[in-house]
């Protein structure tokens, strides 16, 4: 192999190897860990039409024992005051988790399809939701169901009917930034506002269908959440590469993460807070759909000066 080939191979290793799934069941777990712990965790399949490919529905096949909890249909998100995709009331989420058979002390493992970064965001958003409710033991299956299949593990077509539980949230986390706080702080040099959307949406050349206006919150910094993933995949980069991508994020200032509806913002939150261990990262749940609907609020467009 030539020196150039060796160099390219080394670069590929840095950016394509799996992140660092935890042996003790941390924020990310791999297939081997889930196989060993399959009977002692609650496997929640959050797959929806987001990122789904033909033949990947829950009915067509899922990880044995996984409970179906469609990200778009189960009740993980709701609409409020014309703003889509926001966090439901705590009581509604307690009812959902109880229905799914999740008890307060259970270890929950979230499974997405594993096809792309936006699909990963479904599990990141549900992870953030559980964390906000005060749940302690939560993991995401790295690579989703796609990784499970690639490892040669079998799928089941048996619908899982969980035994209902009595979930009671203990909301101690402060992971949500309300609109009033964003309005009060977005111009402050003491806070970093982080936009997780693709560049075209950040500069105002494109927008979410539900956003009233194109553009961004003034003075926000762009960190497209897709940059945390190997190209076109749902696999996070390794820790060194993630750290490099996140180098524009302040270690000292509180971070307000936003996007269009809090979906991509949850991925940025997950990587920064749960994987890289940055402190004081929170999500502006209403994001641009809410901000752009307020004509009195300013919006910036174009490239940063």
C-alpha atoms as a PDB file:
ATOM      1  CA  UNK A   1       0.000   0.000   0.000  1.00  0.00           C
ATOM      2  CA  UNK A   2       1.362   3.455  -0.888  1.00  0.00           C
ATOM      3  CA  UNK A   3       2.075   6.139   1.691  1.00  0.00           C
ATOM      4  CA  UNK A   4      -0.864   8.147   0.305  1.00  0.00           C
ATOM      5  CA  UNK A   5      -3.164   5.138   0.694  1.00  0.00           C
ATOM      6  CA  UNK A   6      -1.988   4.612   4.247  1.00  0.00           C
ATOM      7  CA  UNK A   7      -2.661   8.267   5.038  1.00  0.00           C
ATOM      8  CA  UNK A   8      -6.162   8.114   3.558  1.00  0.00           C
ATOM      9  CA  UNK A   9      -6.858   4.912   5.463  1.00  0.00           C
ATOM     10  CA  UNK A  10      -5.810   6.554   8.709  1.00  0.00           C
ATOM     11  CA  UNK A  11      -8.110   9.520   8.070  1.00  0.00           C
ATOM     12  CA  UNK A  12     -10.985   7.184   7.296  1.00  0.00           C
ATOM     13  CA  UNK A  13     -10.384   5.372  10.572  1.00  0.00           C
ATOM     14  CA  UNK A  14     -10.647   8.623  12.514  1.00  0.00           C
ATOM     15  CA  UNK A  15     -13.943   9.612  10.931  1.00  0.00           C
ATOM     16  CA  UNK A  16     -15.732   6.309  10.399  1.00  0.00           C
ATOM     17  CA  UNK A  17     -14.962   4.116  13.388  1.00  0.00           C
ATOM     18  CA  UNK A  18     -17.778   3.872  15.944  1.00  0.00           C
ATOM     19  CA  UNK A  19     -17.852   6.477  18.697  1.00  0.00           C
ATOM     20  CA  UNK A  20     -17.394   4.855  22.087  1.00  0.00           C
ATOM     21  CA  UNK A  21     -20.441   2.861  23.089  1.00  0.00           C
ATOM     22  CA  UNK A  22     -20.319   2.355  26.827  1.00  0.00           C
ATOM     23  CA  UNK A  23     -19.731  -1.054  28.386  1.00  0.00           C
ATOM     24  CA  UNK A  24     -21.703   0.081  31.455  1.00  0.00           C
ATOM     25  CA  UNK A  25     -24.739   1.256  29.510  1.00  0.00           C
ATOM     26  CA  UNK A  26     -23.964   4.949  29.075  1.00  0.00           C
ATOM     27  CA  UNK A  27     -25.595   7.354  26.591  1.00  0.00           C
ATOM     28  CA  UNK A  28     -24.546   5.139  23.648  1.00  0.00           C
ATOM     29  CA  UNK A  29     -24.581   1.345  23.676  1.00  0.00           C
ATOM     30  CA  UNK A  30     -23.582  -1.005  20.888  1.00  0.00           C
ATOM     31  CA  UNK A  31     -25.206  -4.170  19.590  1.00  0.00           C
ATOM     32  CA  UNK A  32     -23.023  -6.469  21.710  1.00  0.00           C
ATOM     33  CA  UNK A  33     -24.083  -4.658  24.877  1.00  0.00           C
ATOM     34  CA  UNK A  34     -27.760  -4.840  23.938  1.00  0.00           C
ATOM     35  CA  UNK A  35     -27.526  -8.557  23.138  1.00  0.00           C
ATOM     36  CA  UNK A  36     -26.075  -9.196  26.607  1.00  0.00           C
ATOM     37  CA  UNK A  37     -28.635  -7.003  28.371  1.00  0.00           C
ATOM     38  CA  UNK A  38     -31.642  -7.557  26.142  1.00  0.00           C
ATOM     39  CA  UNK A  39     -33.793  -9.143  28.827  1.00  0.00           C
ATOM     40  CA  UNK A  40     -33.109  -6.562  31.522  1.00  0.00           C
ATOM     41  CA  UNK A  41     -33.859  -3.316  29.666  1.00  0.00           C
ATOM     42  CA  UNK A  42     -36.871  -1.633  28.072  1.00  0.00           C
ATOM     43  CA  UNK A  43     -36.220  -1.469  24.321  1.00  0.00           C
ATOM     44  CA  UNK A  44     -38.272   1.360  22.851  1.00  0.00           C
ATOM     45  CA  UNK A  45     -38.520   1.439  19.054  1.00  0.00           C
ATOM     46  CA  UNK A  46     -39.075   5.084  18.071  1.00  0.00           C
ATOM     47  CA  UNK A  47     -38.859   4.568  14.312  1.00  0.00           C
ATOM     48  CA  UNK A  48     -41.255   6.636  12.216  1.00  0.00           C
ATOM     49  CA  UNK A  49     -41.423   7.756   8.599  1.00  0.00           C
ATOM     50  CA  UNK A  50     -38.427  10.004   9.306  1.00  0.00           C
ATOM     51  CA  UNK A  51     -35.500   8.373   7.523  1.00  0.00           C
ATOM     52  CA  UNK A  52     -37.358   5.093   7.121  1.00  0.00           C
ATOM     53  CA  UNK A  53     -36.677   2.934   4.089  1.00  0.00           C
ATOM     54  CA  UNK A  54     -38.968   0.441   2.399  1.00  0.00           C
ATOM     55  CA  UNK A  55     -39.501  -2.712   4.433  1.00  0.00           C
ATOM     56  CA  UNK A  56     -38.343  -1.147   7.705  1.00  0.00           C
ATOM     57  CA  UNK A  57     -41.665  -0.735   9.500  1.00  0.00           C
ATOM     58  CA  UNK A  58     -42.147  -2.118  13.003  1.00  0.00           C
ATOM     59  CA  UNK A  59     -44.563  -4.723  11.658  1.00  0.00           C
ATOM     60  CA  UNK A  60     -42.039  -5.848   9.042  1.00  0.00           C
ATOM     61  CA  UNK A  61     -39.413  -6.531  11.696  1.00  0.00           C
ATOM     62  CA  UNK A  62     -38.017  -5.142  14.930  1.00  0.00           C
ATOM     63  CA  UNK A  63     -35.522  -6.060  17.611  1.00  0.00           C
ATOM     64  CA  UNK A  64     -37.051  -8.879  19.679  1.00  0.00           C
ATOM     65  CA  UNK A  65     -38.793  -7.470  22.746  1.00  0.00           C
ATOM     66  CA  UNK A  66     -38.856  -3.902  21.406  1.00  0.00           C
ATOM     67  CA  UNK A  67     -42.021  -1.927  22.132  1.00  0.00           C
ATOM     68  CA  UNK A  68     -43.360   0.253  19.323  1.00  0.00           C
ATOM     69  CA  UNK A  69     -43.464   3.975  20.181  1.00  0.00           C
ATOM     70  CA  UNK A  70     -43.534   5.818  16.844  1.00  0.00           C
ATOM     71  CA  UNK A  71     -41.730   9.150  17.231  1.00  0.00           C
ATOM     72  CA  UNK A  72     -44.373  11.056  15.260  1.00  0.00           C
ATOM     73  CA  UNK A  73     -47.493   9.246  16.449  1.00  0.00           C
ATOM     74  CA  UNK A  74     -47.023   7.903  19.978  1.00  0.00           C
ATOM     75  CA  UNK A  75     -47.184  11.268  21.760  1.00  0.00           C
ATOM     76  CA  UNK A  76     -43.554  12.286  22.221  1.00  0.00           C
ATOM     77  CA  UNK A  77     -44.326  15.735  20.781  1.00  0.00           C
ATOM     78  CA  UNK A  78     -47.347  17.988  20.449  1.00  0.00           C
ATOM     79  CA  UNK A  79     -48.503  21.349  19.082  1.00  0.00           C
ATOM     80  CA  UNK A  80     -49.163  24.337  21.297  1.00  0.00           C
ATOM     81  CA  UNK A  81     -50.226  27.872  20.373  1.00  0.00           C
ATOM     82  CA  UNK A  82     -49.557  27.125  16.711  1.00  0.00           C
ATOM     83  CA  UNK A  83     -46.036  25.838  17.372  1.00  0.00           C
ATOM     84  CA  UNK A  84     -45.424  22.257  16.241  1.00  0.00           C
ATOM     85  CA  UNK A  85     -43.214  19.598  17.801  1.00  0.00           C
ATOM     86  CA  UNK A  86     -42.994  20.937  21.342  1.00  0.00           C
ATOM     87  CA  UNK A  87     -42.715  18.940  24.553  1.00  0.00           C
ATOM     88  CA  UNK A  88     -46.109  17.675  25.821  1.00  0.00           C
ATOM     89  CA  UNK A  89     -47.318  18.274  29.356  1.00  0.00           C
ATOM     90  CA  UNK A  90     -45.589  16.115  31.956  1.00  0.00           C
ATOM     91  CA  UNK A  91     -48.829  14.272  32.732  1.00  0.00           C
ATOM     92  CA  UNK A  92     -49.210  13.246  29.082  1.00  0.00           C
ATOM     93  CA  UNK A  93     -45.651  11.887  28.978  1.00  0.00           C
ATOM     94  CA  UNK A  94     -46.210  10.021  32.250  1.00  0.00           C
ATOM     95  CA  UNK A  95     -49.261   8.379  30.688  1.00  0.00           C
ATOM     96  CA  UNK A  96     -47.285   7.470  27.562  1.00  0.00           C
ATOM     97  CA  UNK A  97     -44.420   5.896  29.481  1.00  0.00           C
ATOM     98  CA  UNK A  98     -46.842   4.024  31.724  1.00  0.00           C
ATOM     99  CA  UNK A  99     -48.575   2.634  28.642  1.00  0.00           C
ATOM    100  CA  UNK A 100     -45.194   1.578  27.228  1.00  0.00           C
ATOM    101  CA  UNK A 101     -44.459  -0.364  30.409  1.00  0.00           C
ATOM    102  CA  UNK A 102     -41.617   1.891  31.562  1.00  0.00           C
ATOM    103  CA  UNK A 103     -41.069   2.101  35.321  1.00  0.00           C
ATOM    104  CA  UNK A 104     -38.990   4.839  36.929  1.00  0.00           C
ATOM    105  CA  UNK A 105     -36.008   2.603  37.655  1.00  0.00           C
ATOM    106  CA  UNK A 106     -35.963   0.853  34.267  1.00  0.00           C
ATOM    107  CA  UNK A 107     -33.072   1.192  31.867  1.00  0.00           C
ATOM    108  CA  UNK A 108     -34.516   2.466  28.576  1.00  0.00           C
ATOM    109  CA  UNK A 109     -32.720   1.762  25.293  1.00  0.00           C
ATOM    110  CA  UNK A 110     -33.959   3.839  22.347  1.00  0.00           C
ATOM    111  CA  UNK A 111     -33.812   2.426  18.833  1.00  0.00           C
ATOM    112  CA  UNK A 112     -34.044   4.450  15.629  1.00  0.00           C
ATOM    113  CA  UNK A 113     -33.800   3.094  12.086  1.00  0.00           C
ATOM    114  CA  UNK A 114     -30.111   3.984  11.827  1.00  0.00           C
ATOM    115  CA  UNK A 115     -30.323   5.345   8.282  1.00  0.00           C
ATOM    116  CA  UNK A 116     -29.272   8.996   8.616  1.00  0.00           C
ATOM    117  CA  UNK A 117     -28.605  11.884  10.988  1.00  0.00           C
ATOM    118  CA  UNK A 118     -32.180  13.189  11.014  1.00  0.00           C
ATOM    119  CA  UNK A 119     -33.396   9.699  11.888  1.00  0.00           C
ATOM    120  CA  UNK A 120     -30.874   9.608  14.763  1.00  0.00           C
ATOM    121  CA  UNK A 121     -32.445  12.847  15.954  1.00  0.00           C
ATOM    122  CA  UNK A 122     -35.620  10.953  16.815  1.00  0.00           C
ATOM    123  CA  UNK A 123     -33.805   8.937  19.472  1.00  0.00           C
ATOM    124  CA  UNK A 124     -31.856  12.003  20.638  1.00  0.00           C
ATOM    125  CA  UNK A 125     -35.075  13.971  21.082  1.00  0.00           C
ATOM    126  CA  UNK A 126     -36.746  11.178  23.076  1.00  0.00           C
ATOM    127  CA  UNK A 127     -33.552  10.794  25.151  1.00  0.00           C
ATOM    128  CA  UNK A 128     -33.711  14.542  25.928  1.00  0.00           C
ATOM    129  CA  UNK A 129     -37.400  14.190  26.822  1.00  0.00           C
ATOM    130  CA  UNK A 130     -36.707  11.370  29.279  1.00  0.00           C
ATOM    131  CA  UNK A 131     -33.817  13.298  30.774  1.00  0.00           C
ATOM    132  CA  UNK A 132     -36.084  16.300  31.258  1.00  0.00           C
ATOM    133  CA  UNK A 133     -38.548  14.056  33.103  1.00  0.00           C
ATOM    134  CA  UNK A 134     -35.796  13.021  35.507  1.00  0.00           C
ATOM    135  CA  UNK A 135     -35.267   9.507  34.151  1.00  0.00           C
ATOM    136  CA  UNK A 136     -31.840   8.210  35.144  1.00  0.00           C
ATOM    137  CA  UNK A 137     -30.969   5.236  32.950  1.00  0.00           C
ATOM    138  CA  UNK A 138     -31.248   5.981  29.220  1.00  0.00           C
ATOM    139  CA  UNK A 139     -29.192   4.828  26.239  1.00  0.00           C
ATOM    140  CA  UNK A 140     -29.345   5.083  22.470  1.00  0.00           C
ATOM    141  CA  UNK A 141     -28.454   2.042  20.386  1.00  0.00           C
ATOM    142  CA  UNK A 142     -25.599   3.317  18.260  1.00  0.00           C
ATOM    143  CA  UNK A 143     -26.369   2.747  14.605  1.00  0.00           C
ATOM    144  CA  UNK A 144     -29.997   1.885  15.370  1.00  0.00           C
ATOM    145  CA  UNK A 145     -31.742  -1.182  13.997  1.00  0.00           C
ATOM    146  CA  UNK A 146     -29.539  -1.030  10.918  1.00  0.00           C
ATOM    147  CA  UNK A 147     -26.517  -1.839  13.104  1.00  0.00           C
ATOM    148  CA  UNK A 148     -28.448  -4.678  14.750  1.00  0.00           C
ATOM    149  CA  UNK A 149     -29.185  -6.253  11.375  1.00  0.00           C
ATOM    150  CA  UNK A 150     -25.631  -5.648  10.115  1.00  0.00           C
ATOM    151  CA  UNK A 151     -24.314  -7.554  13.147  1.00  0.00           C
ATOM    152  CA  UNK A 152     -26.305 -10.604  12.070  1.00  0.00           C
ATOM    153  CA  UNK A 153     -28.948 -10.353  14.779  1.00  0.00           C
ATOM    154  CA  UNK A 154     -32.469 -11.541  14.042  1.00  0.00           C
ATOM    155  CA  UNK A 155     -35.655  -9.478  13.896  1.00  0.00           C
ATOM    156  CA  UNK A 156     -39.112 -10.330  15.167  1.00  0.00           C
ATOM    157  CA  UNK A 157     -42.522  -9.624  13.675  1.00  0.00           C
ATOM    158  CA  UNK A 158     -44.323 -10.282  16.957  1.00  0.00           C
ATOM    159  CA  UNK A 159     -46.173  -7.242  18.289  1.00  0.00           C
ATOM    160  CA  UNK A 160     -45.012  -6.610  21.848  1.00  0.00           C
ATOM    161  CA  UNK A 161     -47.787  -5.774  24.325  1.00  0.00           C
ATOM    162  CA  UNK A 162     -46.052  -4.301  27.376  1.00  0.00           C
ATOM    163  CA  UNK A 163     -47.381  -4.657  30.894  1.00  0.00           C
ATOM    164  CA  UNK A 164     -48.542  -1.166  31.899  1.00  0.00           C
ATOM    165  CA  UNK A 165     -46.522   0.581  34.583  1.00  0.00           C
ATOM    166  CA  UNK A 166     -47.185   3.577  36.835  1.00  0.00           C
ATOM    167  CA  UNK A 167     -44.586   6.104  35.701  1.00  0.00           C
ATOM    168  CA  UNK A 168     -44.145   9.230  37.806  1.00  0.00           C
ATOM    169  CA  UNK A 169     -41.818  11.963  36.589  1.00  0.00           C
ATOM    170  CA  UNK A 170     -39.438  13.760  38.920  1.00  0.00           C
ATOM    171  CA  UNK A 171     -38.714  16.847  36.863  1.00  0.00           C
ATOM    172  CA  UNK A 172     -35.496  18.188  38.298  1.00  0.00           C
ATOM    173  CA  UNK A 173     -33.633  18.865  35.070  1.00  0.00           C
ATOM    174  CA  UNK A 174     -33.658  22.328  33.547  1.00  0.00           C
ATOM    175  CA  UNK A 175     -33.098  21.466  29.908  1.00  0.00           C
ATOM    176  CA  UNK A 176     -35.692  23.743  28.298  1.00  0.00           C
ATOM    177  CA  UNK A 177     -35.207  27.387  27.407  1.00  0.00           C
ATOM    178  CA  UNK A 178     -38.547  29.225  27.085  1.00  0.00           C
ATOM    179  CA  UNK A 179     -39.112  31.972  24.538  1.00  0.00           C
ATOM    180  CA  UNK A 180     -38.960  34.769  27.109  1.00  0.00           C
ATOM    181  CA  UNK A 181     -35.496  33.684  28.208  1.00  0.00           C
ATOM    182  CA  UNK A 182     -34.239  33.501  24.630  1.00  0.00           C
ATOM    183  CA  UNK A 183     -35.595  37.001  23.983  1.00  0.00           C
ATOM    184  CA  UNK A 184     -33.830  38.283  27.079  1.00  0.00           C
ATOM    185  CA  UNK A 185     -30.482  36.620  26.430  1.00  0.00           C
ATOM    186  CA  UNK A 186     -29.884  36.088  22.703  1.00  0.00           C
ATOM    187  CA  UNK A 187     -27.878  39.323  22.315  1.00  0.00           C
ATOM    188  CA  UNK A 188     -25.861  38.768  25.482  1.00  0.00           C
ATOM    189  CA  UNK A 189     -22.164  38.006  25.202  1.00  0.00           C
ATOM    190  CA  UNK A 190     -22.590  35.757  28.228  1.00  0.00           C
ATOM    191  CA  UNK A 191     -24.654  33.184  26.272  1.00  0.00           C
ATOM    192  CA  UNK A 192     -23.981  31.254  23.061  1.00  0.00           C
ATOM    193  CA  UNK A 193     -27.000  30.599  20.855  1.00  0.00           C
ATOM    194  CA  UNK A 194     -26.368  27.583  18.627  1.00  0.00           C
ATOM    195  CA  UNK A 195     -28.290  26.946  15.389  1.00  0.00           C
ATOM    196  CA  UNK A 196     -28.309  23.239  14.460  1.00  0.00           C
ATOM    197  CA  UNK A 197     -29.801  23.572  10.958  1.00  0.00           C
ATOM    198  CA  UNK A 198     -28.183  23.185   7.531  1.00  0.00           C
ATOM    199  CA  UNK A 199     -26.388  26.239   6.160  1.00  0.00           C
ATOM    200  CA  UNK A 200     -29.102  27.193   3.637  1.00  0.00           C
ATOM    201  CA  UNK A 201     -31.666  27.496   6.405  1.00  0.00           C
ATOM    202  CA  UNK A 202     -29.226  29.346   8.641  1.00  0.00           C
ATOM    203  CA  UNK A 203     -28.538  32.024   6.011  1.00  0.00           C
ATOM    204  CA  UNK A 204     -32.177  32.238   4.948  1.00  0.00           C
ATOM    205  CA  UNK A 205     -32.051  30.650   1.505  1.00  0.00           C
ATOM    206  CA  UNK A 206     -34.452  27.903   2.688  1.00  0.00           C
ATOM    207  CA  UNK A 207     -36.842  27.424   5.574  1.00  0.00           C
ATOM    208  CA  UNK A 208     -38.969  24.855   7.361  1.00  0.00           C
ATOM    209  CA  UNK A 209     -42.530  24.609   5.960  1.00  0.00           C
ATOM    210  CA  UNK A 210     -43.967  25.669   9.318  1.00  0.00           C
ATOM    211  CA  UNK A 211     -41.655  28.656   9.784  1.00  0.00           C
ATOM    212  CA  UNK A 212     -43.246  32.026   9.004  1.00  0.00           C
ATOM    213  CA  UNK A 213     -39.967  33.629   7.939  1.00  0.00           C
ATOM    214  CA  UNK A 214     -36.587  32.431   6.725  1.00  0.00           C
ATOM    215  CA  UNK A 215     -33.381  33.226   8.555  1.00  0.00           C
ATOM    216  CA  UNK A 216     -31.942  32.789  12.040  1.00  0.00           C
ATOM    217  CA  UNK A 217     -31.924  34.246  15.519  1.00  0.00           C
ATOM    218  CA  UNK A 218     -29.485  37.181  15.359  1.00  0.00           C
ATOM    219  CA  UNK A 219     -25.984  36.518  16.692  1.00  0.00           C
ATOM    220  CA  UNK A 220     -26.501  32.766  16.706  1.00  0.00           C
ATOM    221  CA  UNK A 221     -23.678  30.474  15.588  1.00  0.00           C
ATOM    222  CA  UNK A 222     -24.258  27.710  13.058  1.00  0.00           C
ATOM    223  CA  UNK A 223     -23.382  24.114  13.910  1.00  0.00           C
ATOM    224  CA  UNK A 224     -25.216  21.883  11.444  1.00  0.00           C
ATOM    225  CA  UNK A 225     -25.958  18.723  13.431  1.00  0.00           C
ATOM    226  CA  UNK A 226     -25.146  16.588  10.380  1.00  0.00           C
ATOM    227  CA  UNK A 227     -21.457  17.429  10.881  1.00  0.00           C
ATOM    228  CA  UNK A 228     -21.379  15.093  13.872  1.00  0.00           C
ATOM    229  CA  UNK A 229     -21.992  12.064  11.642  1.00  0.00           C
ATOM    230  CA  UNK A 230     -20.108  10.035   9.082  1.00  0.00           C
ATOM    231  CA  UNK A 231     -21.290  11.199   5.665  1.00  0.00           C
ATOM    232  CA  UNK A 232     -24.859  10.167   4.942  1.00  0.00           C
ATOM    233  CA  UNK A 233     -25.091   7.812   7.916  1.00  0.00           C
ATOM    234  CA  UNK A 234     -26.570   7.698  11.412  1.00  0.00           C
ATOM    235  CA  UNK A 235     -23.178   6.821  12.908  1.00  0.00           C
ATOM    236  CA  UNK A 236     -21.595   9.450  15.111  1.00  0.00           C
ATOM    237  CA  UNK A 237     -17.938  10.272  14.571  1.00  0.00           C
ATOM    238  CA  UNK A 238     -15.457   9.152  17.182  1.00  0.00           C
ATOM    239  CA  UNK A 239     -14.845  11.308  20.238  1.00  0.00           C
ATOM    240  CA  UNK A 240     -11.785  13.078  18.860  1.00  0.00           C
ATOM    241  CA  UNK A 241     -13.637  14.058  15.691  1.00  0.00           C
ATOM    242  CA  UNK A 242     -16.750  15.103  17.630  1.00  0.00           C
ATOM    243  CA  UNK A 243     -14.586  17.304  19.838  1.00  0.00           C
ATOM    244  CA  UNK A 244     -13.065  18.946  16.772  1.00  0.00           C
ATOM    245  CA  UNK A 245     -16.464  19.642  15.207  1.00  0.00           C
ATOM    246  CA  UNK A 246     -17.694  21.083  18.506  1.00  0.00           C
ATOM    247  CA  UNK A 247     -14.654  23.316  18.980  1.00  0.00           C
ATOM    248  CA  UNK A 248     -16.682  26.419  18.084  1.00  0.00           C
ATOM    249  CA  UNK A 249     -18.904  25.825  21.105  1.00  0.00           C
ATOM    250  CA  UNK A 250     -17.904  27.717  24.221  1.00  0.00           C
ATOM    251  CA  UNK A 251     -16.754  25.708  27.233  1.00  0.00           C
ATOM    252  CA  UNK A 252     -17.587  28.575  29.561  1.00  0.00           C
ATOM    253  CA  UNK A 253     -20.862  30.106  28.358  1.00  0.00           C
ATOM    254  CA  UNK A 254     -24.311  28.563  28.721  1.00  0.00           C
ATOM    255  CA  UNK A 255     -25.489  27.231  25.341  1.00  0.00           C
ATOM    256  CA  UNK A 256     -28.993  27.593  23.912  1.00  0.00           C
ATOM    257  CA  UNK A 257     -29.480  24.959  21.201  1.00  0.00           C
ATOM    258  CA  UNK A 258     -32.213  25.525  18.609  1.00  0.00           C
ATOM    259  CA  UNK A 259     -33.230  24.494  15.085  1.00  0.00           C
ATOM    260  CA  UNK A 260     -36.713  24.528  13.514  1.00  0.00           C
ATOM    261  CA  UNK A 261     -38.745  22.440  15.960  1.00  0.00           C
ATOM    262  CA  UNK A 262     -36.198  21.237  18.524  1.00  0.00           C
ATOM    263  CA  UNK A 263     -35.380  17.994  16.673  1.00  0.00           C
ATOM    264  CA  UNK A 264     -31.897  18.706  15.317  1.00  0.00           C
ATOM    265  CA  UNK A 265     -31.294  20.887  18.389  1.00  0.00           C
ATOM    266  CA  UNK A 266     -31.724  17.761  20.506  1.00  0.00           C
ATOM    267  CA  UNK A 267     -28.984  16.001  18.535  1.00  0.00           C
ATOM    268  CA  UNK A 268     -26.601  18.888  19.170  1.00  0.00           C
ATOM    269  CA  UNK A 269     -27.612  18.844  22.836  1.00  0.00           C
ATOM    270  CA  UNK A 270     -27.039  15.078  23.052  1.00  0.00           C
ATOM    271  CA  UNK A 271     -23.567  15.214  21.519  1.00  0.00           C
ATOM    272  CA  UNK A 272     -22.449  18.267  23.486  1.00  0.00           C
ATOM    273  CA  UNK A 273     -23.970  17.337  26.835  1.00  0.00           C
ATOM    274  CA  UNK A 274     -24.159  13.553  26.994  1.00  0.00           C
ATOM    275  CA  UNK A 275     -21.224  12.482  24.814  1.00  0.00           C
ATOM    276  CA  UNK A 276     -18.741  15.341  25.248  1.00  0.00           C
ATOM    277  CA  UNK A 277     -19.810  16.302  28.764  1.00  0.00           C
ATOM    278  CA  UNK A 278     -20.277  20.034  28.209  1.00  0.00           C
ATOM    279  CA  UNK A 279     -22.161  21.731  31.027  1.00  0.00           C
ATOM    280  CA  UNK A 280     -25.200  23.991  30.831  1.00  0.00           C
ATOM    281  CA  UNK A 281     -26.475  23.093  27.351  1.00  0.00           C
ATOM    282  CA  UNK A 282     -30.242  23.486  26.957  1.00  0.00           C
ATOM    283  CA  UNK A 283     -32.786  23.378  24.122  1.00  0.00           C
ATOM    284  CA  UNK A 284     -35.039  26.172  22.925  1.00  0.00           C
ATOM    285  CA  UNK A 285     -38.005  23.910  22.252  1.00  0.00           C
ATOM    286  CA  UNK A 286     -40.069  26.315  20.146  1.00  0.00           C
ATOM    287  CA  UNK A 287     -37.059  27.101  17.932  1.00  0.00           C
ATOM    288  CA  UNK A 288     -37.471  28.936  14.604  1.00  0.00           C
ATOM    289  CA  UNK A 289     -41.103  27.925  14.087  1.00  0.00           C
ATOM    290  CA  UNK A 290     -42.008  29.846  17.244  1.00  0.00           C
ATOM    291  CA  UNK A 291     -39.477  32.669  16.827  1.00  0.00           C
ATOM    292  CA  UNK A 292     -40.364  33.389  13.195  1.00  0.00           C
ATOM    293  CA  UNK A 293     -44.083  33.581  14.041  1.00  0.00           C
ATOM    294  CA  UNK A 294     -43.470  36.633  16.235  1.00  0.00           C
ATOM    295  CA  UNK A 295     -43.224  39.617  13.833  1.00  0.00           C
ATOM    296  CA  UNK A 296     -41.734  41.805  16.549  1.00  0.00           C
ATOM    297  CA  UNK A 297     -38.710  39.503  16.865  1.00  0.00           C
ATOM    298  CA  UNK A 298     -35.733  40.189  14.581  1.00  0.00           C
ATOM    299  CA  UNK A 299     -34.347  37.656  12.120  1.00  0.00           C
ATOM    300  CA  UNK A 300     -30.907  37.725  10.513  1.00  0.00           C
ATOM    301  CA  UNK A 301     -30.223  36.515   6.981  1.00  0.00           C
ATOM    302  CA  UNK A 302     -27.133  36.115   4.811  1.00  0.00           C
ATOM    303  CA  UNK A 303     -23.617  35.022   5.633  1.00  0.00           C
ATOM    304  CA  UNK A 304     -21.977  36.069   8.871  1.00  0.00           C
ATOM    305  CA  UNK A 305     -19.971  39.235   8.465  1.00  0.00           C
END
